Amino acid sequence: MWEQVQETVSYINGKIDFTPEYGVILGSGLGSFTEEMKVEYTLPYNEIPNFPVSTVLGHKGALVFGTIGEKKVVAMQGRFHYYEGYSMTEVTFPVRVMKFLGIKKLVVSNASGGVNPNYKVGSIVIIKDHINMTPEHPLRGKNDERFGPRFVNMSEPYSRKMIAKAKEIALDLNIEVFDGIYYGLQGPTFETLAEYRMVKILGADCVGMSTVPEVIVARHMDVETFGISVITDMGNEESIDTISHDEVLEAAKQAEPMVRSLIRELILKY
């Protein structure tokens, strides 16, 4: 994998003159965050060597390079999921590439189902921790010390300093935010009522099909990480009867202006 990452980084550096400080992974329905950026380069995934291609509606499929104020940012418009048939190595490959392009900090967003009764559809949740229940670990296999250590300390997967700054910004912007624990499952099915109850019993506040592998790999490489989730359905009888991917995208779209503002200001001020 080391050789593939270096080949991809070399290709990108040959196309652009840009060293990002921040990486941003844009989840379902949140791809228009790039409108907050002064875009300098856009590279479609299908043109980048060794890159997977996103197959999910709502994930556009491009690396976008630009600035927010003085901060240099690379944003992934669309991510890759284990349920699409990719290995965890492929799912997390772009995080490794962004690290070697220069990022020091990573912001990850997603849409998720809520089980915390204080949430509602459209709630914005700052992820303070996660429970990994995906069936393959992204660090499984022989470890390459050039990426990071064999055993990774996961006591702080999401930066406490970034969380504190984001809450301060949300207060200033009058945006209601919650914090919570994200439960990572494989998908692609939405959870049954019994599975939603399980997630709640096990101590999580929301559940989704992404983010956890990317955060693990970011921490493997000592990239400071911040996660944010939009609640697009609630795991109860009223919500589960009608939930569809279109509804997920619509709920994310409604919350997107606030999420965009929060991420923009975090990048500017942290």
Protein backbone atom coordinates (compact mmCIF):
# COMPACT_ATOMS: atom_id res chain seq x y z
CA MET A 1 0.00 0.00 0.00
CA TRP A 2 2.90 2.36 0.70
CA GLU A 3 3.88 2.32 -2.97
CA GLN A 4 0.29 2.92 -4.11
CA VAL A 5 -0.13 5.87 -1.75
CA GLN A 6 3.15 7.41 -2.90
CA GLU A 7 2.22 6.89 -6.56
CA THR A 8 -1.12 8.63 -6.01
CA VAL A 9 0.44 11.49 -4.05
CA SER A 10 3.09 11.92 -6.73
CA TYR A 11 0.41 12.06 -9.45
CA ILE A 12 -1.62 14.68 -7.56
CA ASN A 13 1.45 16.79 -6.78
CA GLY A 14 2.30 16.67 -10.48
CA LYS A 15 -1.12 18.10 -11.32
CA ILE A 16 -1.38 20.80 -8.67
CA ASP A 17 0.80 23.11 -6.58
CA PHE A 18 -1.01 22.93 -3.25
CA THR A 19 -0.26 21.69 0.28
CA PRO A 20 -3.45 21.36 2.33
CA GLU A 21 -3.55 21.70 6.12
CA TYR A 22 -7.12 20.45 6.49
CA GLY A 23 -8.85 17.44 4.98
CA VAL A 24 -12.66 17.31 4.88
CA ILE A 25 -14.75 14.21 4.09
CA LEU A 26 -18.25 15.17 3.00
CA GLY A 27 -21.00 12.67 3.75
CA SER A 28 -24.44 12.06 2.26
CA GLY A 29 -26.12 15.28 1.18
CA LEU A 30 -23.28 17.49 2.44
CA GLY A 31 -21.23 17.75 -0.76
CA SER A 32 -21.92 21.44 -1.39
CA PHE A 33 -19.58 22.48 1.43
CA THR A 34 -17.09 23.21 -1.34
CA GLU A 35 -19.11 26.37 -2.05
CA GLU A 36 -17.51 27.73 1.12
CA MET A 37 -14.10 27.31 -0.49
CA LYS A 38 -12.23 29.41 -3.02
CA VAL A 39 -11.61 26.43 -5.29
CA GLU A 40 -8.24 26.17 -7.01
CA TYR A 41 -8.23 22.59 -8.33
CA THR A 42 -10.75 19.78 -8.82
CA LEU A 43 -9.62 16.22 -9.56
CA PRO A 44 -12.34 13.62 -10.34
CA TYR A 45 -11.73 10.32 -8.57
CA ASN A 46 -11.78 8.41 -11.85
CA GLU A 47 -8.69 10.31 -13.00
CA ILE A 48 -6.62 9.62 -9.87
CA PRO A 49 -4.45 6.46 -9.91
CA ASN A 50 -5.43 3.79 -7.34
CA PHE A 51 -8.51 5.75 -6.20
CA PRO A 52 -11.84 3.97 -5.81
CA VAL A 53 -14.93 5.54 -7.39
CA SER A 54 -17.99 6.44 -5.31
CA THR A 55 -21.15 4.57 -6.36
CA VAL A 56 -23.66 6.10 -3.94
CA LEU A 57 -26.24 8.76 -4.85
CA GLY A 58 -25.35 12.02 -3.12
CA HIS A 59 -21.59 11.36 -3.32
CA LYS A 60 -20.20 13.31 -6.28
CA GLY A 61 -16.73 11.81 -6.56
CA ALA A 62 -13.95 14.44 -6.67
CA LEU A 63 -11.06 15.82 -4.66
CA VAL A 64 -11.51 19.58 -4.37
CA PHE A 65 -8.58 21.79 -3.37
CA GLY A 66 -9.08 25.37 -2.23
CA THR A 67 -8.86 27.88 0.57
CA ILE A 68 -11.11 29.04 3.40
CA GLY A 69 -9.63 32.33 4.48
CA GLU A 70 -5.91 31.62 4.75
CA LYS A 71 -6.39 27.91 5.42
CA LYS A 72 -5.66 25.41 2.65
CA VAL A 73 -8.21 22.61 2.41
CA VAL A 74 -8.73 19.41 0.42
CA ALA A 75 -12.31 18.15 0.44
CA MET A 76 -13.58 14.74 -0.59
CA GLN A 77 -16.90 15.13 -2.39
CA GLY A 78 -18.10 11.62 -1.74
CA ARG A 79 -16.58 8.83 0.30
CA PHE A 80 -16.27 5.07 -0.07
CA HIS A 81 -18.10 2.49 2.01
CA TYR A 82 -17.40 -1.09 2.94
CA TYR A 83 -20.94 -2.02 1.85
CA GLU A 84 -20.13 -0.96 -1.72
CA GLY A 85 -17.83 -3.95 -1.92
CA TYR A 86 -14.58 -2.16 -1.23
CA SER A 87 -12.07 -3.50 1.26
CA MET A 88 -11.28 -1.38 4.32
CA THR A 89 -7.92 -0.63 2.74
CA GLU A 90 -9.72 0.90 -0.25
CA VAL A 91 -12.28 2.70 1.94
CA THR A 92 -9.53 4.45 3.90
CA PHE A 93 -7.01 4.88 1.07
CA PRO A 94 -7.93 8.57 0.48
CA VAL A 95 -7.22 9.40 4.14
CA ARG A 96 -3.70 8.05 3.72
CA VAL A 97 -3.28 10.06 0.52
CA MET A 98 -4.48 13.27 2.19
CA LYS A 99 -2.03 12.74 5.03
CA PHE A 100 0.88 12.53 2.61
CA LEU A 101 -0.41 15.52 0.67
CA GLY A 102 0.15 17.43 3.92
CA ILE A 103 -3.00 17.49 6.08
CA LYS A 104 -2.60 17.82 9.84
CA LYS A 105 -6.33 17.88 10.70
CA LEU A 106 -9.34 15.97 9.36
CA VAL A 107 -13.04 16.87 9.53
CA VAL A 108 -15.43 14.00 8.84
CA SER A 109 -19.17 14.42 8.30
CA ASN A 110 -21.98 11.92 7.87
CA ALA A 111 -25.71 11.30 8.02
CA SER A 112 -26.88 8.95 10.75
CA GLY A 113 -29.89 7.47 12.49
CA GLY A 114 -30.61 8.76 15.98
CA VAL A 115 -31.49 6.71 19.06
CA ASN A 116 -30.97 9.43 21.68
CA PRO A 117 -34.50 10.68 22.52
CA ASN A 118 -33.18 14.26 22.79
CA TYR A 119 -32.43 14.21 19.07
CA LYS A 120 -34.83 14.83 16.22
CA VAL A 121 -34.53 14.67 12.43
CA GLY A 122 -32.15 17.48 11.45
CA SER A 123 -30.25 17.56 14.75
CA ILE A 124 -26.53 18.25 14.46
CA VAL A 125 -24.34 15.99 16.57
CA ILE A 126 -20.67 16.51 17.34
CA ILE A 127 -19.16 13.04 17.62
CA LYS A 128 -17.27 12.65 20.90
CA ASP A 129 -16.50 8.92 20.58
CA HIS A 130 -17.45 5.86 18.57
CA ILE A 131 -18.11 2.14 18.88
CA ASN A 132 -16.63 0.13 16.03
CA MET A 133 -18.82 -2.78 14.97
CA THR A 134 -17.78 -2.95 11.33
CA PRO A 135 -16.82 -6.51 10.32
CA GLU A 136 -13.28 -5.77 9.13
CA HIS A 137 -10.76 -3.57 10.95
CA PRO A 138 -8.95 -1.10 8.66
CA LEU A 139 -5.60 -1.84 10.35
CA ARG A 140 -5.92 -5.62 10.07
CA GLY A 141 -2.88 -7.26 8.47
CA LYS A 142 0.82 -6.51 8.46
CA ASN A 143 1.55 -3.05 9.84
CA ASP A 144 3.75 -0.62 7.92
CA GLU A 145 5.53 1.55 10.48
CA ARG A 146 5.92 4.29 7.86
CA PHE A 147 2.20 4.95 8.31
CA GLY A 148 1.99 4.49 12.07
CA PRO A 149 2.37 2.11 15.02
CA ARG A 150 1.03 -1.44 15.23
CA PHE A 151 -1.16 -0.63 18.23
CA VAL A 152 -2.95 2.72 18.13
CA ASN A 153 -4.12 4.57 21.25
CA MET A 154 -7.82 5.31 20.64
CA SER A 155 -8.56 7.05 23.95
CA GLU A 156 -9.15 10.30 22.04
CA PRO A 157 -10.28 9.46 18.50
CA TYR A 158 -12.02 12.84 18.21
CA SER A 159 -9.98 15.86 19.29
CA ARG A 160 -11.27 17.31 22.55
CA LYS A 161 -9.80 20.70 21.65
CA MET A 162 -11.59 20.72 18.29
CA ILE A 163 -14.85 19.66 19.98
CA ALA A 164 -14.55 22.50 22.52
CA LYS A 165 -13.86 25.04 19.77
CA ALA A 166 -16.79 23.77 17.67
CA LYS A 167 -19.18 24.10 20.62
CA GLU A 168 -17.94 27.63 21.25
CA ILE A 169 -18.53 28.48 17.58
CA ALA A 170 -21.99 26.90 17.60
CA LEU A 171 -22.92 29.08 20.57
CA ASP A 172 -21.69 32.20 18.77
CA LEU A 173 -23.65 31.25 15.62
CA ASN A 174 -26.76 30.31 17.62
CA ILE A 175 -26.70 26.79 16.19
CA GLU A 176 -28.07 24.05 18.42
CA VAL A 177 -25.64 21.14 18.63
CA PHE A 178 -25.56 17.95 20.64
CA ASP A 179 -22.66 15.65 21.33
CA GLY A 180 -22.88 11.90 21.14
CA ILE A 181 -21.35 8.50 20.53
CA TYR A 182 -21.50 7.12 16.99
CA TYR A 183 -22.03 3.40 16.41
CA GLY A 184 -20.45 2.14 13.19
CA LEU A 185 -22.16 -0.73 11.33
CA GLN A 186 -21.60 -2.23 7.89
CA GLY A 187 -24.91 -1.43 6.11
CA PRO A 188 -26.30 -0.96 3.52
CA THR A 189 -29.67 -1.76 5.14
CA PHE A 190 -31.13 0.71 7.59
CA GLU A 191 -31.37 -0.80 11.06
CA THR A 192 -34.34 -2.78 12.32
CA LEU A 193 -36.15 -1.57 15.41
CA ALA A 194 -34.40 -4.31 17.40
CA GLU A 195 -31.02 -3.15 16.08
CA TYR A 196 -31.79 0.46 16.98
CA ARG A 197 -32.67 -0.69 20.51
CA MET A 198 -29.38 -2.63 20.64
CA VAL A 199 -27.41 0.49 19.63
CA LYS A 200 -29.07 2.46 22.42
CA ILE A 201 -28.55 -0.27 25.03
CA LEU A 202 -24.87 -0.48 24.14
CA GLY A 203 -24.40 3.20 24.91
CA ALA A 204 -24.45 4.98 21.56
CA ASP A 205 -26.54 7.96 20.48
CA CYS A 206 -26.57 7.51 16.71
CA VAL A 207 -25.68 4.88 14.13
CA GLY A 208 -24.28 4.92 10.61
CA MET A 209 -22.32 3.11 7.92
CA SER A 210 -19.14 5.20 7.57
CA THR A 211 -16.67 7.43 9.43
CA VAL A 212 -15.24 4.93 11.94
CA PRO A 213 -12.68 3.31 9.56
CA GLU A 214 -11.56 6.74 8.30
CA VAL A 215 -11.07 8.04 11.83
CA ILE A 216 -9.11 4.94 12.89
CA VAL A 217 -6.74 5.35 9.95
CA ALA A 218 -6.39 9.09 10.58
CA ARG A 219 -5.43 8.41 14.19
CA HIS A 220 -3.02 5.67 13.04
CA MET A 221 -1.16 8.47 11.22
CA ASP A 222 -1.55 11.00 14.09
CA VAL A 223 -3.98 13.26 12.21
CA GLU A 224 -6.12 15.32 14.59
CA THR A 225 -9.77 14.51 13.86
CA PHE A 226 -13.21 16.06 14.27
CA GLY A 227 -16.51 14.37 13.43
CA ILE A 228 -20.00 15.76 12.87
CA SER A 229 -23.25 13.97 12.09
CA VAL A 230 -26.68 15.04 10.87
CA ILE A 231 -29.56 12.97 12.25
CA THR A 232 -31.64 12.04 9.21
CA ASP A 233 -34.01 9.55 10.83
CA MET A 234 -34.95 8.41 14.30
CA GLY A 235 -34.87 4.75 15.27
CA ASN A 236 -38.48 4.47 16.35
CA GLU A 237 -41.75 3.18 14.93
CA GLU A 238 -42.76 6.53 13.45
CA SER A 239 -39.54 7.10 11.52
CA ILE A 240 -38.51 3.59 10.55
CA ASP A 241 -41.70 2.87 8.58
CA THR A 242 -40.88 5.45 5.91
CA ILE A 243 -37.10 5.94 5.90
CA SER A 244 -35.42 5.88 2.48
CA HIS A 245 -32.12 7.14 1.08
CA ASP A 246 -33.96 10.05 -0.60
CA GLU A 247 -35.30 11.09 2.79
CA VAL A 248 -31.81 10.87 4.27
CA LEU A 249 -30.49 13.19 1.57
CA GLU A 250 -33.37 15.63 2.07
CA ALA A 251 -32.88 15.78 5.86
CA ALA A 252 -29.14 16.33 5.40
CA LYS A 253 -29.86 19.07 2.86
CA GLN A 254 -32.07 20.91 5.36
CA ALA A 255 -29.31 20.92 8.00
CA GLU A 256 -26.49 21.57 5.54
CA PRO A 257 -26.30 25.41 5.82
CA MET A 258 -25.67 25.16 9.56
CA VAL A 259 -23.16 22.32 9.18
CA ARG A 260 -21.35 24.27 6.47
CA SER A 261 -21.12 27.36 8.68
CA LEU A 262 -19.87 25.34 11.63
CA ILE A 263 -17.16 23.53 9.66
CA ARG A 264 -16.09 26.73 7.89
CA GLU A 265 -15.68 28.63 11.15
CA LEU A 266 -13.88 25.71 12.80
CA ILE A 267 -11.36 25.62 9.98
CA LEU A 268 -10.91 29.39 10.15
CA LYS A 269 -10.52 29.57 13.92
CA TYR A 270 -8.74 26.35 14.90
